[in-house]
Every structure is written in structure tokens, then in C-alpha cells.
Amino acid sequence: MFFELRQYKTKPGKRAAWVKTMEEKIIPFHASNGVVVVGSFTGQDDKDTYIWLRRFEDTAQKEAFARTIAESDYWKNEVVPDIQEMLDREAMVVTALEATGLSVIS
């Protein structure tokens, strides 16, 4: 099992709309495809920060999910326009993580 930490910067004034998109479109899409979203966070001091953490059983699951996204009309038509409108994609940081033995989410 491994985790993926995804750190985003929303375009100015778009964070609330982005959180709504995450909660109504993206997180449910992940859940319906077997991907666990462990957490969804906004920055307290930076009003354009959004961070989320998702869990995969293994790289095969992540690769299969990536194919699902690539082939999904829902993703292309309903989600990609929101991403383009609300996120600064160049500021995105994605980090693969493995939990240590004392991690409560391992």
C-alpha cells in the first residue's frame, strides 16, 4: 500500500469552488473506482492551497485508475474543464509516500 500526497494551488478566488468540485465530482469518482481518498485539506494561512491524500493498494491499482481516467468521458467532459478553470497546474506537486510503522493511517 502507498499514498499519494497531491498539493495544489487554486487560481485566486477559486478555492471554494474547487473544494466543491472535489467533494461533488472528484472524490466520489475516485471512490466509485476503488481509490480511497484519505484526506482533503485547505491551507489555513494560504487561501489558495488545497491538499489531498489518496491511497492505492499497489502501483497496478494506480495504473489501472490512470487508464480509467484517460478513457472516461465523465472525467474529460465534467472534470477537466473545472481543473483548467480553477487550478494552477504548474504549481501542482505530487509525492508518492509509504507510511512508517507508527503511522496511524498505515
N, C-alpha and C. Protein backbone atom coordinates (compact mmCIF):
# COMPACT_ATOMS: atom_id res chain seq x y z
N MET A 1 0.84 -1.17 0.00
CA MET A 1 0.00 0.00 0.00
C MET A 1 0.89 1.24 0.00
N PHE A 2 0.44 2.25 -0.72
CA PHE A 2 1.16 3.53 -0.67
C PHE A 2 0.16 4.67 -0.81
N PHE A 3 0.64 5.84 -0.50
CA PHE A 3 -0.18 7.04 -0.52
C PHE A 3 0.37 8.01 -1.54
N GLU A 4 -0.48 8.90 -1.98
CA GLU A 4 -0.07 9.96 -2.89
C GLU A 4 -0.57 11.28 -2.31
N LEU A 5 0.37 12.16 -2.00
CA LEU A 5 0.06 13.49 -1.50
C LEU A 5 0.03 14.43 -2.70
N ARG A 6 -1.09 15.09 -2.89
CA ARG A 6 -1.26 16.00 -4.02
C ARG A 6 -1.49 17.41 -3.48
N GLN A 7 -0.58 18.31 -3.82
CA GLN A 7 -0.64 19.69 -3.35
C GLN A 7 -0.95 20.60 -4.53
N TYR A 8 -2.03 21.35 -4.40
CA TYR A 8 -2.48 22.22 -5.48
C TYR A 8 -2.53 23.67 -5.03
N LYS A 9 -2.39 24.55 -5.99
CA LYS A 9 -2.69 25.98 -5.81
C LYS A 9 -3.88 26.27 -6.71
N THR A 10 -4.92 26.80 -6.11
CA THR A 10 -6.05 27.22 -6.93
C THR A 10 -5.78 28.62 -7.46
N LYS A 11 -6.44 28.94 -8.53
CA LYS A 11 -6.36 30.31 -9.04
C LYS A 11 -7.03 31.21 -8.01
N PRO A 12 -6.61 32.48 -7.92
CA PRO A 12 -7.17 33.39 -6.90
C PRO A 12 -8.70 33.40 -6.90
N GLY A 13 -9.26 33.22 -5.71
CA GLY A 13 -10.71 33.27 -5.55
C GLY A 13 -11.44 32.01 -5.96
N LYS A 14 -10.72 30.96 -6.34
CA LYS A 14 -11.36 29.73 -6.85
C LYS A 14 -11.36 28.57 -5.87
N ARG A 15 -10.76 28.75 -4.69
CA ARG A 15 -10.62 27.59 -3.81
C ARG A 15 -11.95 27.02 -3.35
N ALA A 16 -12.89 27.82 -2.97
CA ALA A 16 -14.19 27.30 -2.51
C ALA A 16 -14.88 26.50 -3.61
N ALA A 17 -14.82 27.00 -4.83
CA ALA A 17 -15.40 26.27 -5.96
C ALA A 17 -14.65 24.97 -6.20
N TRP A 18 -13.32 25.00 -6.02
CA TRP A 18 -12.53 23.79 -6.21
C TRP A 18 -12.88 22.73 -5.16
N VAL A 19 -13.03 23.15 -3.91
CA VAL A 19 -13.42 22.20 -2.85
C VAL A 19 -14.76 21.57 -3.20
N LYS A 20 -15.69 22.36 -3.68
CA LYS A 20 -17.00 21.83 -4.09
C LYS A 20 -16.83 20.80 -5.22
N THR A 21 -15.98 21.11 -6.19
CA THR A 21 -15.73 20.16 -7.29
C THR A 21 -15.11 18.88 -6.75
N MET A 22 -14.17 19.01 -5.84
CA MET A 22 -13.56 17.81 -5.24
C MET A 22 -14.61 16.97 -4.53
N GLU A 23 -15.45 17.62 -3.72
CA GLU A 23 -16.41 16.88 -2.91
C GLU A 23 -17.58 16.33 -3.70
N GLU A 24 -17.94 16.99 -4.78
CA GLU A 24 -19.10 16.55 -5.55
C GLU A 24 -18.75 15.71 -6.78
N LYS A 25 -17.57 15.88 -7.32
CA LYS A 25 -17.20 15.18 -8.54
C LYS A 25 -16.00 14.24 -8.38
N ILE A 26 -14.89 14.80 -7.93
CA ILE A 26 -13.63 14.06 -7.99
C ILE A 26 -13.54 12.97 -6.92
N ILE A 27 -13.80 13.29 -5.67
CA ILE A 27 -13.72 12.27 -4.63
C ILE A 27 -14.74 11.15 -4.85
N PRO A 28 -16.00 11.45 -5.18
CA PRO A 28 -16.92 10.35 -5.48
C PRO A 28 -16.48 9.50 -6.67
N PHE A 29 -15.90 10.12 -7.70
CA PHE A 29 -15.39 9.36 -8.85
C PHE A 29 -14.29 8.40 -8.41
N HIS A 30 -13.40 8.90 -7.57
CA HIS A 30 -12.34 8.03 -7.05
C HIS A 30 -12.94 6.86 -6.27
N ALA A 31 -13.85 7.17 -5.35
CA ALA A 31 -14.45 6.13 -4.52
C ALA A 31 -15.17 5.09 -5.37
N SER A 32 -15.86 5.53 -6.40
CA SER A 32 -16.59 4.58 -7.26
C SER A 32 -15.66 3.68 -8.05
N ASN A 33 -14.37 4.06 -8.10
CA ASN A 33 -13.38 3.25 -8.80
C ASN A 33 -12.39 2.60 -7.84
N GLY A 34 -12.74 2.52 -6.56
CA GLY A 34 -11.96 1.78 -5.58
C GLY A 34 -10.76 2.51 -5.01
N VAL A 35 -10.61 3.80 -5.28
CA VAL A 35 -9.50 4.57 -4.74
C VAL A 35 -9.97 5.27 -3.46
N VAL A 36 -9.21 5.13 -2.40
CA VAL A 36 -9.56 5.74 -1.12
C VAL A 36 -8.91 7.12 -1.02
N VAL A 37 -9.73 8.13 -0.80
CA VAL A 37 -9.22 9.46 -0.51
C VAL A 37 -9.19 9.58 1.01
N VAL A 38 -7.98 9.59 1.56
CA VAL A 38 -7.78 9.55 3.00
C VAL A 38 -8.07 10.90 3.63
N GLY A 39 -7.76 11.98 2.92
CA GLY A 39 -7.98 13.30 3.48
C GLY A 39 -8.05 14.36 2.41
N SER A 40 -8.73 15.43 2.73
CA SER A 40 -8.91 16.59 1.85
C SER A 40 -8.77 17.82 2.74
N PHE A 41 -7.84 18.73 2.36
CA PHE A 41 -7.49 19.83 3.25
C PHE A 41 -7.35 21.15 2.51
N THR A 42 -7.61 22.24 3.23
CA THR A 42 -7.32 23.58 2.72
C THR A 42 -6.28 24.21 3.65
N GLY A 43 -5.48 25.11 3.09
CA GLY A 43 -4.48 25.80 3.89
C GLY A 43 -5.10 26.84 4.79
N GLN A 44 -4.64 26.92 6.02
CA GLN A 44 -5.15 27.94 6.93
C GLN A 44 -4.57 29.31 6.63
N ASP A 45 -3.30 29.35 6.27
CA ASP A 45 -2.63 30.63 6.05
C ASP A 45 -2.58 31.05 4.59
N ASP A 46 -2.71 30.10 3.70
CA ASP A 46 -2.66 30.39 2.26
C ASP A 46 -4.03 30.07 1.66
N LYS A 47 -4.74 31.06 1.24
CA LYS A 47 -6.12 30.91 0.79
C LYS A 47 -6.25 30.26 -0.59
N ASP A 48 -5.11 29.91 -1.21
CA ASP A 48 -5.15 29.24 -2.50
C ASP A 48 -4.64 27.80 -2.43
N THR A 49 -4.35 27.31 -1.23
CA THR A 49 -3.81 25.96 -1.07
C THR A 49 -4.91 24.94 -0.89
N TYR A 50 -4.77 23.83 -1.62
CA TYR A 50 -5.63 22.66 -1.45
C TYR A 50 -4.73 21.43 -1.51
N ILE A 51 -4.89 20.54 -0.54
CA ILE A 51 -4.08 19.33 -0.46
C ILE A 51 -5.00 18.14 -0.23
N TRP A 52 -4.68 17.05 -0.91
CA TRP A 52 -5.42 15.83 -0.63
C TRP A 52 -4.48 14.64 -0.66
N LEU A 53 -4.94 13.56 -0.02
CA LEU A 53 -4.15 12.36 0.13
C LEU A 53 -4.99 11.19 -0.31
N ARG A 54 -4.46 10.43 -1.26
CA ARG A 54 -5.20 9.25 -1.70
C ARG A 54 -4.35 8.00 -1.49
N ARG A 55 -5.03 6.86 -1.35
CA ARG A 55 -4.35 5.60 -1.04
C ARG A 55 -4.58 4.59 -2.16
N PHE A 56 -3.52 3.91 -2.52
CA PHE A 56 -3.58 2.84 -3.51
C PHE A 56 -3.05 1.56 -2.88
N GLU A 57 -3.62 0.45 -3.28
CA GLU A 57 -3.14 -0.84 -2.78
C GLU A 57 -1.75 -1.15 -3.34
N ASP A 58 -1.51 -0.77 -4.60
CA ASP A 58 -0.22 -1.02 -5.24
C ASP A 58 -0.15 -0.20 -6.53
N THR A 59 0.99 -0.27 -7.19
CA THR A 59 1.14 0.51 -8.42
C THR A 59 0.20 0.03 -9.52
N ALA A 60 -0.13 -1.24 -9.52
CA ALA A 60 -1.06 -1.75 -10.53
C ALA A 60 -2.43 -1.08 -10.40
N GLN A 61 -2.89 -0.87 -9.16
CA GLN A 61 -4.16 -0.19 -8.96
C GLN A 61 -4.08 1.25 -9.45
N LYS A 62 -2.97 1.92 -9.15
CA LYS A 62 -2.83 3.31 -9.59
C LYS A 62 -2.80 3.39 -11.12
N GLU A 63 -2.08 2.50 -11.75
CA GLU A 63 -2.00 2.50 -13.21
C GLU A 63 -3.36 2.20 -13.84
N ALA A 64 -4.10 1.26 -13.25
CA ALA A 64 -5.45 0.94 -13.76
C ALA A 64 -6.36 2.15 -13.61
N PHE A 65 -6.25 2.86 -12.49
CA PHE A 65 -7.07 4.04 -12.29
C PHE A 65 -6.70 5.14 -13.28
N ALA A 66 -5.41 5.29 -13.56
CA ALA A 66 -4.97 6.29 -14.55
C ALA A 66 -5.57 5.98 -15.92
N ARG A 67 -5.66 4.71 -16.27
CA ARG A 67 -6.30 4.31 -17.54
C ARG A 67 -7.80 4.63 -17.51
N THR A 68 -8.43 4.39 -16.35
CA THR A 68 -9.85 4.70 -16.20
C THR A 68 -10.10 6.18 -16.46
N ILE A 69 -9.26 7.03 -15.87
CA ILE A 69 -9.39 8.47 -16.08
C ILE A 69 -9.22 8.82 -17.55
N ALA A 70 -8.17 8.27 -18.16
CA ALA A 70 -7.86 8.60 -19.56
C ALA A 70 -8.99 8.21 -20.50
N GLU A 71 -9.71 7.16 -20.17
CA GLU A 71 -10.78 6.66 -21.03
C GLU A 71 -12.16 7.18 -20.66
N SER A 72 -12.27 7.91 -19.58
CA SER A 72 -13.57 8.31 -19.06
C SER A 72 -14.09 9.59 -19.71
N ASP A 73 -15.24 9.50 -20.34
CA ASP A 73 -15.89 10.69 -20.87
C ASP A 73 -16.30 11.62 -19.73
N TYR A 74 -16.72 11.04 -18.60
CA TYR A 74 -17.08 11.86 -17.44
C TYR A 74 -15.88 12.72 -17.04
N TRP A 75 -14.72 12.11 -16.91
CA TRP A 75 -13.53 12.86 -16.49
C TRP A 75 -13.20 13.94 -17.50
N LYS A 76 -13.19 13.57 -18.76
CA LYS A 76 -12.83 14.53 -19.82
C LYS A 76 -13.81 15.68 -19.92
N ASN A 77 -15.10 15.39 -19.80
CA ASN A 77 -16.13 16.40 -20.03
C ASN A 77 -16.58 17.15 -18.79
N GLU A 78 -16.54 16.51 -17.63
CA GLU A 78 -17.06 17.11 -16.40
C GLU A 78 -15.97 17.62 -15.46
N VAL A 79 -14.80 16.99 -15.49
CA VAL A 79 -13.76 17.34 -14.52
C VAL A 79 -12.66 18.19 -15.13
N VAL A 80 -12.17 17.82 -16.29
CA VAL A 80 -11.07 18.55 -16.90
C VAL A 80 -11.38 20.04 -17.08
N PRO A 81 -12.58 20.43 -17.51
CA PRO A 81 -12.86 21.87 -17.61
C PRO A 81 -12.74 22.60 -16.27
N ASP A 82 -13.14 21.94 -15.17
CA ASP A 82 -13.01 22.54 -13.84
C ASP A 82 -11.54 22.69 -13.47
N ILE A 83 -10.74 21.67 -13.78
CA ILE A 83 -9.31 21.73 -13.48
C ILE A 83 -8.69 22.91 -14.22
N GLN A 84 -8.99 23.04 -15.48
CA GLN A 84 -8.41 24.12 -16.28
C GLN A 84 -8.84 25.50 -15.76
N GLU A 85 -10.08 25.60 -15.31
CA GLU A 85 -10.60 26.89 -14.84
C GLU A 85 -10.09 27.28 -13.45
N MET A 86 -9.87 26.28 -12.59
CA MET A 86 -9.64 26.59 -11.18
C MET A 86 -8.24 26.34 -10.65
N LEU A 87 -7.42 25.53 -11.32
CA LEU A 87 -6.11 25.18 -10.77
C LEU A 87 -4.97 25.80 -11.54
N ASP A 88 -3.92 26.13 -10.80
CA ASP A 88 -2.64 26.50 -11.39
C ASP A 88 -1.85 25.19 -11.53
N ARG A 89 -1.96 24.56 -12.68
CA ARG A 89 -1.37 23.23 -12.87
C ARG A 89 0.15 23.24 -12.76
N GLU A 90 0.78 24.35 -13.06
CA GLU A 90 2.24 24.41 -12.97
C GLU A 90 2.72 24.38 -11.52
N ALA A 91 1.87 24.74 -10.58
CA ALA A 91 2.24 24.74 -9.17
C ALA A 91 1.93 23.41 -8.48
N MET A 92 1.37 22.46 -9.20
CA MET A 92 0.99 21.18 -8.62
C MET A 92 2.23 20.38 -8.22
N VAL A 93 2.16 19.78 -7.02
CA VAL A 93 3.24 18.92 -6.53
C VAL A 93 2.60 17.60 -6.11
N VAL A 94 3.12 16.49 -6.65
CA VAL A 94 2.60 15.15 -6.34
C VAL A 94 3.75 14.33 -5.78
N THR A 95 3.52 13.73 -4.60
CA THR A 95 4.56 12.96 -3.92
C THR A 95 4.00 11.60 -3.52
N ALA A 96 4.67 10.53 -3.94
CA ALA A 96 4.31 9.18 -3.51
C ALA A 96 4.93 8.94 -2.14
N LEU A 97 4.16 8.35 -1.23
CA LEU A 97 4.59 8.17 0.16
C LEU A 97 4.33 6.74 0.62
N GLU A 98 5.20 6.25 1.49
CA GLU A 98 4.97 4.99 2.18
C GLU A 98 4.87 5.31 3.66
N ALA A 99 3.86 4.76 4.33
CA ALA A 99 3.67 5.02 5.75
C ALA A 99 4.73 4.29 6.56
N THR A 100 5.19 4.92 7.62
CA THR A 100 6.11 4.29 8.54
C THR A 100 5.33 3.44 9.54
N GLY A 101 6.04 2.65 10.31
CA GLY A 101 5.39 1.71 11.23
C GLY A 101 4.46 2.33 12.25
N LEU A 102 4.73 3.54 12.68
CA LEU A 102 3.89 4.17 13.70
C LEU A 102 2.81 5.08 13.11
N SER A 103 2.70 5.12 11.81
CA SER A 103 1.66 5.95 11.19
C SER A 103 0.29 5.38 11.50
N VAL A 104 -0.62 6.23 11.91
CA VAL A 104 -1.98 5.76 12.25
C VAL A 104 -2.81 5.45 11.02
N ILE A 105 -2.34 5.83 9.83
CA ILE A 105 -3.12 5.53 8.63
C ILE A 105 -2.51 4.41 7.80
N SER A 106 -1.56 3.70 8.34
CA SER A 106 -0.94 2.61 7.57
C SER A 106 -1.83 1.39 7.53
